Amino acid sequence: MQTKTKNNHIGRKISRIRELRGMKQETLAEELGISQQAVSNIENSEQVDDVKLVEIAKALGVTKEGIQQFNEESIFNYFNSFHDSSAFNTHCTFNPLDRLMDAYEENKKLYERLLQAEKDKVAYLEKLAK
């Protein structure tokens, strides 16, 4: 017999969004003006009151509805859709070696101008010294 797991555990959703944002509990606690232990308790809670949820959402940079409707599977489906070849142009429209050679030539010209400027400076200073 299979039992369905509750997919609406708000605390777990908050925890997962926080982790995906690269945020530690301590950082979220500071943003909310509460202790790290209080954040831990929230993340272990199945429900969070609406006022607190709005504050948490703001600190995480998402909406309250974003937390409530968060579904990790949909995120993976979203990112996996980028493998569709029509989404990105996977063919290079220029020759990278040509670009590299162009950059080399530009740098070479710049180096030659700087070298000439230094030679002119030395010649001027030698002229002043005489």
C-alpha atoms as a PDB file:
ATOM      1  CA  MET A   1       0.000   0.000   0.000  1.00  0.00           C
ATOM      2  CA  GLN A   2       1.332   3.408  -0.980  1.00  0.00           C
ATOM      3  CA  THR A   3       0.658   6.513   1.028  1.00  0.00           C
ATOM      4  CA  LYS A   4       0.676   9.928  -0.542  1.00  0.00           C
ATOM      5  CA  THR A   5       3.163  12.352   0.911  1.00  0.00           C
ATOM      6  CA  LYS A   6       1.967  15.841   1.599  1.00  0.00           C
ATOM      7  CA  ASN A   7       3.441  18.165  -0.976  1.00  0.00           C
ATOM      8  CA  ASN A   8       2.263  21.333   0.730  1.00  0.00           C
ATOM      9  CA  HIS A   9       4.713  21.458   3.642  1.00  0.00           C
ATOM     10  CA  ILE A  10       5.395  25.215   3.608  1.00  0.00           C
ATOM     11  CA  GLY A  11       8.429  24.923   5.882  1.00  0.00           C
ATOM     12  CA  ARG A  12      10.164  22.508   3.508  1.00  0.00           C
ATOM     13  CA  LYS A  13       9.378  24.790   0.594  1.00  0.00           C
ATOM     14  CA  ILE A  14      10.897  27.745   2.444  1.00  0.00           C
ATOM     15  CA  SER A  15      13.958  25.666   3.266  1.00  0.00           C
ATOM     16  CA  ARG A  16      14.410  24.525  -0.328  1.00  0.00           C
ATOM     17  CA  ILE A  17      13.969  28.020  -1.787  1.00  0.00           C
ATOM     18  CA  ARG A  18      16.458  29.370   0.763  1.00  0.00           C
ATOM     19  CA  GLU A  19      18.955  26.674  -0.223  1.00  0.00           C
ATOM     20  CA  LEU A  20      18.441  27.333  -3.942  1.00  0.00           C
ATOM     21  CA  ARG A  21      19.137  31.025  -3.290  1.00  0.00           C
ATOM     22  CA  GLY A  22      22.397  30.051  -1.546  1.00  0.00           C
ATOM     23  CA  MET A  23      21.218  31.540   1.733  1.00  0.00           C
ATOM     24  CA  LYS A  24      21.995  30.138   5.170  1.00  0.00           C
ATOM     25  CA  GLN A  25      19.472  29.988   7.998  1.00  0.00           C
ATOM     26  CA  GLU A  26      21.517  32.590   9.869  1.00  0.00           C
ATOM     27  CA  THR A  27      21.226  35.035   6.978  1.00  0.00           C
ATOM     28  CA  LEU A  28      17.475  34.546   6.692  1.00  0.00           C
ATOM     29  CA  ALA A  29      17.201  34.957  10.464  1.00  0.00           C
ATOM     30  CA  GLU A  30      19.030  38.296  10.275  1.00  0.00           C
ATOM     31  CA  GLU A  31      16.761  39.464   7.449  1.00  0.00           C
ATOM     32  CA  LEU A  32      13.704  38.581   9.519  1.00  0.00           C
ATOM     33  CA  GLY A  33      15.076  39.845  12.836  1.00  0.00           C
ATOM     34  CA  ILE A  34      14.712  36.471  14.502  1.00  0.00           C
ATOM     35  CA  SER A  35      17.050  33.726  15.708  1.00  0.00           C
ATOM     36  CA  GLN A  36      18.462  30.932  13.588  1.00  0.00           C
ATOM     37  CA  GLN A  37      16.564  28.483  15.810  1.00  0.00           C
ATOM     38  CA  ALA A  38      13.308  30.288  14.981  1.00  0.00           C
ATOM     39  CA  VAL A  39      14.059  29.875  11.251  1.00  0.00           C
ATOM     40  CA  SER A  40      14.734  26.192  11.854  1.00  0.00           C
ATOM     41  CA  ASN A  41      11.377  25.883  13.628  1.00  0.00           C
ATOM     42  CA  ILE A  42       9.605  27.629  10.725  1.00  0.00           C
ATOM     43  CA  GLU A  43      11.244  25.297   8.214  1.00  0.00           C
ATOM     44  CA  ASN A  44      10.039  22.315  10.234  1.00  0.00           C
ATOM     45  CA  SER A  45       6.476  23.666  10.350  1.00  0.00           C
ATOM     46  CA  GLU A  46       3.899  22.367   7.931  1.00  0.00           C
ATOM     47  CA  GLN A  47       2.026  25.690   7.990  1.00  0.00           C
ATOM     48  CA  VAL A  48       3.161  29.292   8.481  1.00  0.00           C
ATOM     49  CA  ASP A  49       0.811  32.180   9.153  1.00  0.00           C
ATOM     50  CA  ASP A  50       0.229  34.538   6.221  1.00  0.00           C
ATOM     51  CA  VAL A  51       1.866  37.609   7.777  1.00  0.00           C
ATOM     52  CA  LYS A  52       5.072  35.718   8.552  1.00  0.00           C
ATOM     53  CA  LEU A  53       4.975  34.047   5.122  1.00  0.00           C
ATOM     54  CA  VAL A  54       4.877  37.467   3.423  1.00  0.00           C
ATOM     55  CA  GLU A  55       7.928  38.586   5.452  1.00  0.00           C
ATOM     56  CA  ILE A  56       9.804  35.381   4.596  1.00  0.00           C
ATOM     57  CA  ALA A  57       8.909  35.687   0.917  1.00  0.00           C
ATOM     58  CA  LYS A  58      10.230  39.249   0.839  1.00  0.00           C
ATOM     59  CA  ALA A  59      13.491  38.179   2.501  1.00  0.00           C
ATOM     60  CA  LEU A  60      13.872  35.351  -0.032  1.00  0.00           C
ATOM     61  CA  GLY A  61      13.066  37.613  -2.970  1.00  0.00           C
ATOM     62  CA  VAL A  62       9.943  35.720  -4.003  1.00  0.00           C
ATOM     63  CA  THR A  63       6.208  36.154  -3.546  1.00  0.00           C
ATOM     64  CA  LYS A  64       4.053  34.489  -0.919  1.00  0.00           C
ATOM     65  CA  GLU A  65       2.319  32.630  -3.747  1.00  0.00           C
ATOM     66  CA  GLY A  66       5.713  31.602  -5.085  1.00  0.00           C
ATOM     67  CA  ILE A  67       6.415  29.816  -1.815  1.00  0.00           C
ATOM     68  CA  GLN A  68       2.955  28.286  -1.614  1.00  0.00           C
ATOM     69  CA  GLN A  69       3.069  26.991  -5.187  1.00  0.00           C
ATOM     70  CA  PHE A  70       6.751  26.009  -5.175  1.00  0.00           C
ATOM     71  CA  ASN A  71       7.329  22.638  -6.778  1.00  0.00           C
ATOM     72  CA  GLU A  72      10.884  21.461  -7.282  1.00  0.00           C
ATOM     73  CA  GLU A  73       9.861  19.103 -10.056  1.00  0.00           C
ATOM     74  CA  SER A  74       8.504  21.993 -12.127  1.00  0.00           C
ATOM     75  CA  ILE A  75      11.843  23.786 -11.774  1.00  0.00           C
ATOM     76  CA  PHE A  76      13.678  20.771 -13.163  1.00  0.00           C
ATOM     77  CA  ASN A  77      11.177  20.550 -16.015  1.00  0.00           C
ATOM     78  CA  TYR A  78      11.714  24.241 -16.743  1.00  0.00           C
ATOM     79  CA  PHE A  79      15.497  23.909 -16.909  1.00  0.00           C
ATOM     80  CA  ASN A  80      15.325  20.658 -18.856  1.00  0.00           C
ATOM     81  CA  SER A  81      13.259  22.427 -21.499  1.00  0.00           C
ATOM     82  CA  PHE A  82      16.408  24.372 -22.421  1.00  0.00           C
ATOM     83  CA  HIS A  83      17.760  21.247 -24.077  1.00  0.00           C
ATOM     84  CA  ASP A  84      15.323  21.950 -26.906  1.00  0.00           C
ATOM     85  CA  SER A  85      17.580  22.953 -29.798  1.00  0.00           C
ATOM     86  CA  SER A  86      15.168  25.681 -30.866  1.00  0.00           C
ATOM     87  CA  ALA A  87      15.634  27.481 -27.563  1.00  0.00           C
ATOM     88  CA  PHE A  88      19.262  28.331 -28.235  1.00  0.00           C
ATOM     89  CA  ASN A  89      21.384  28.826 -31.289  1.00  0.00           C
ATOM     90  CA  THR A  90      23.951  26.103 -30.776  1.00  0.00           C
ATOM     91  CA  HIS A  91      25.874  26.912 -33.950  1.00  0.00           C
ATOM     92  CA  CYS A  92      28.653  29.430 -33.797  1.00  0.00           C
ATOM     93  CA  THR A  93      28.038  32.294 -36.234  1.00  0.00           C
ATOM     94  CA  PHE A  94      31.690  33.339 -36.282  1.00  0.00           C
ATOM     95  CA  ASN A  95      35.059  31.661 -36.306  1.00  0.00           C
ATOM     96  CA  PRO A  96      36.550  31.935 -32.798  1.00  0.00           C
ATOM     97  CA  LEU A  97      40.077  31.803 -34.236  1.00  0.00           C
ATOM     98  CA  ASP A  98      39.306  34.830 -36.405  1.00  0.00           C
ATOM     99  CA  ARG A  99      38.153  36.712 -33.317  1.00  0.00           C
ATOM    100  CA  LEU A 100      41.298  35.666 -31.465  1.00  0.00           C
ATOM    101  CA  MET A 101      43.531  36.825 -34.302  1.00  0.00           C
ATOM    102  CA  ASP A 102      41.657  40.149 -34.537  1.00  0.00           C
ATOM    103  CA  ALA A 103      42.218  40.705 -30.815  1.00  0.00           C
ATOM    104  CA  TYR A 104      45.884  39.788 -31.221  1.00  0.00           C
ATOM    105  CA  GLU A 105      46.314  42.295 -34.060  1.00  0.00           C
ATOM    106  CA  GLU A 106      44.586  45.040 -32.054  1.00  0.00           C
ATOM    107  CA  ASN A 107      46.801  44.365 -29.042  1.00  0.00           C
ATOM    108  CA  LYS A 108      49.890  44.306 -31.243  1.00  0.00           C
ATOM    109  CA  LYS A 109      49.007  47.736 -32.686  1.00  0.00           C
ATOM    110  CA  LEU A 110      48.368  49.115 -29.205  1.00  0.00           C
ATOM    111  CA  TYR A 111      51.697  47.724 -27.972  1.00  0.00           C
ATOM    112  CA  GLU A 112      53.522  49.307 -30.924  1.00  0.00           C
ATOM    113  CA  ARG A 113      51.895  52.706 -30.243  1.00  0.00           C
ATOM    114  CA  LEU A 114      52.805  52.520 -26.553  1.00  0.00           C
ATOM    115  CA  LEU A 115      56.371  51.491 -27.404  1.00  0.00           C
ATOM    116  CA  GLN A 116      56.692  54.392 -29.857  1.00  0.00           C
ATOM    117  CA  ALA A 117      55.337  56.812 -27.235  1.00  0.00           C
ATOM    118  CA  GLU A 118      57.976  55.597 -24.759  1.00  0.00           C
ATOM    119  CA  LYS A 119      60.739  55.961 -27.393  1.00  0.00           C
ATOM    120  CA  ASP A 120      59.548  59.521 -28.111  1.00  0.00           C
ATOM    121  CA  LYS A 121      59.563  60.281 -24.400  1.00  0.00           C
ATOM    122  CA  VAL A 122      63.124  58.960 -24.006  1.00  0.00           C
ATOM    123  CA  ALA A 123      64.298  60.977 -27.025  1.00  0.00           C
ATOM    124  CA  TYR A 124      62.666  64.124 -25.625  1.00  0.00           C
ATOM    125  CA  LEU A 125      64.235  63.612 -22.178  1.00  0.00           C
ATOM    126  CA  GLU A 126      67.675  63.000 -23.770  1.00  0.00           C
ATOM    127  CA  LYS A 127      67.272  66.202 -25.751  1.00  0.00           C
ATOM    128  CA  LEU A 128      66.383  68.105 -22.549  1.00  0.00           C
ATOM    129  CA  ALA A 129      69.353  66.625 -20.701  1.00  0.00           C
ATOM    130  CA  LYS A 130      71.850  67.963 -23.303  1.00  0.00           C
END
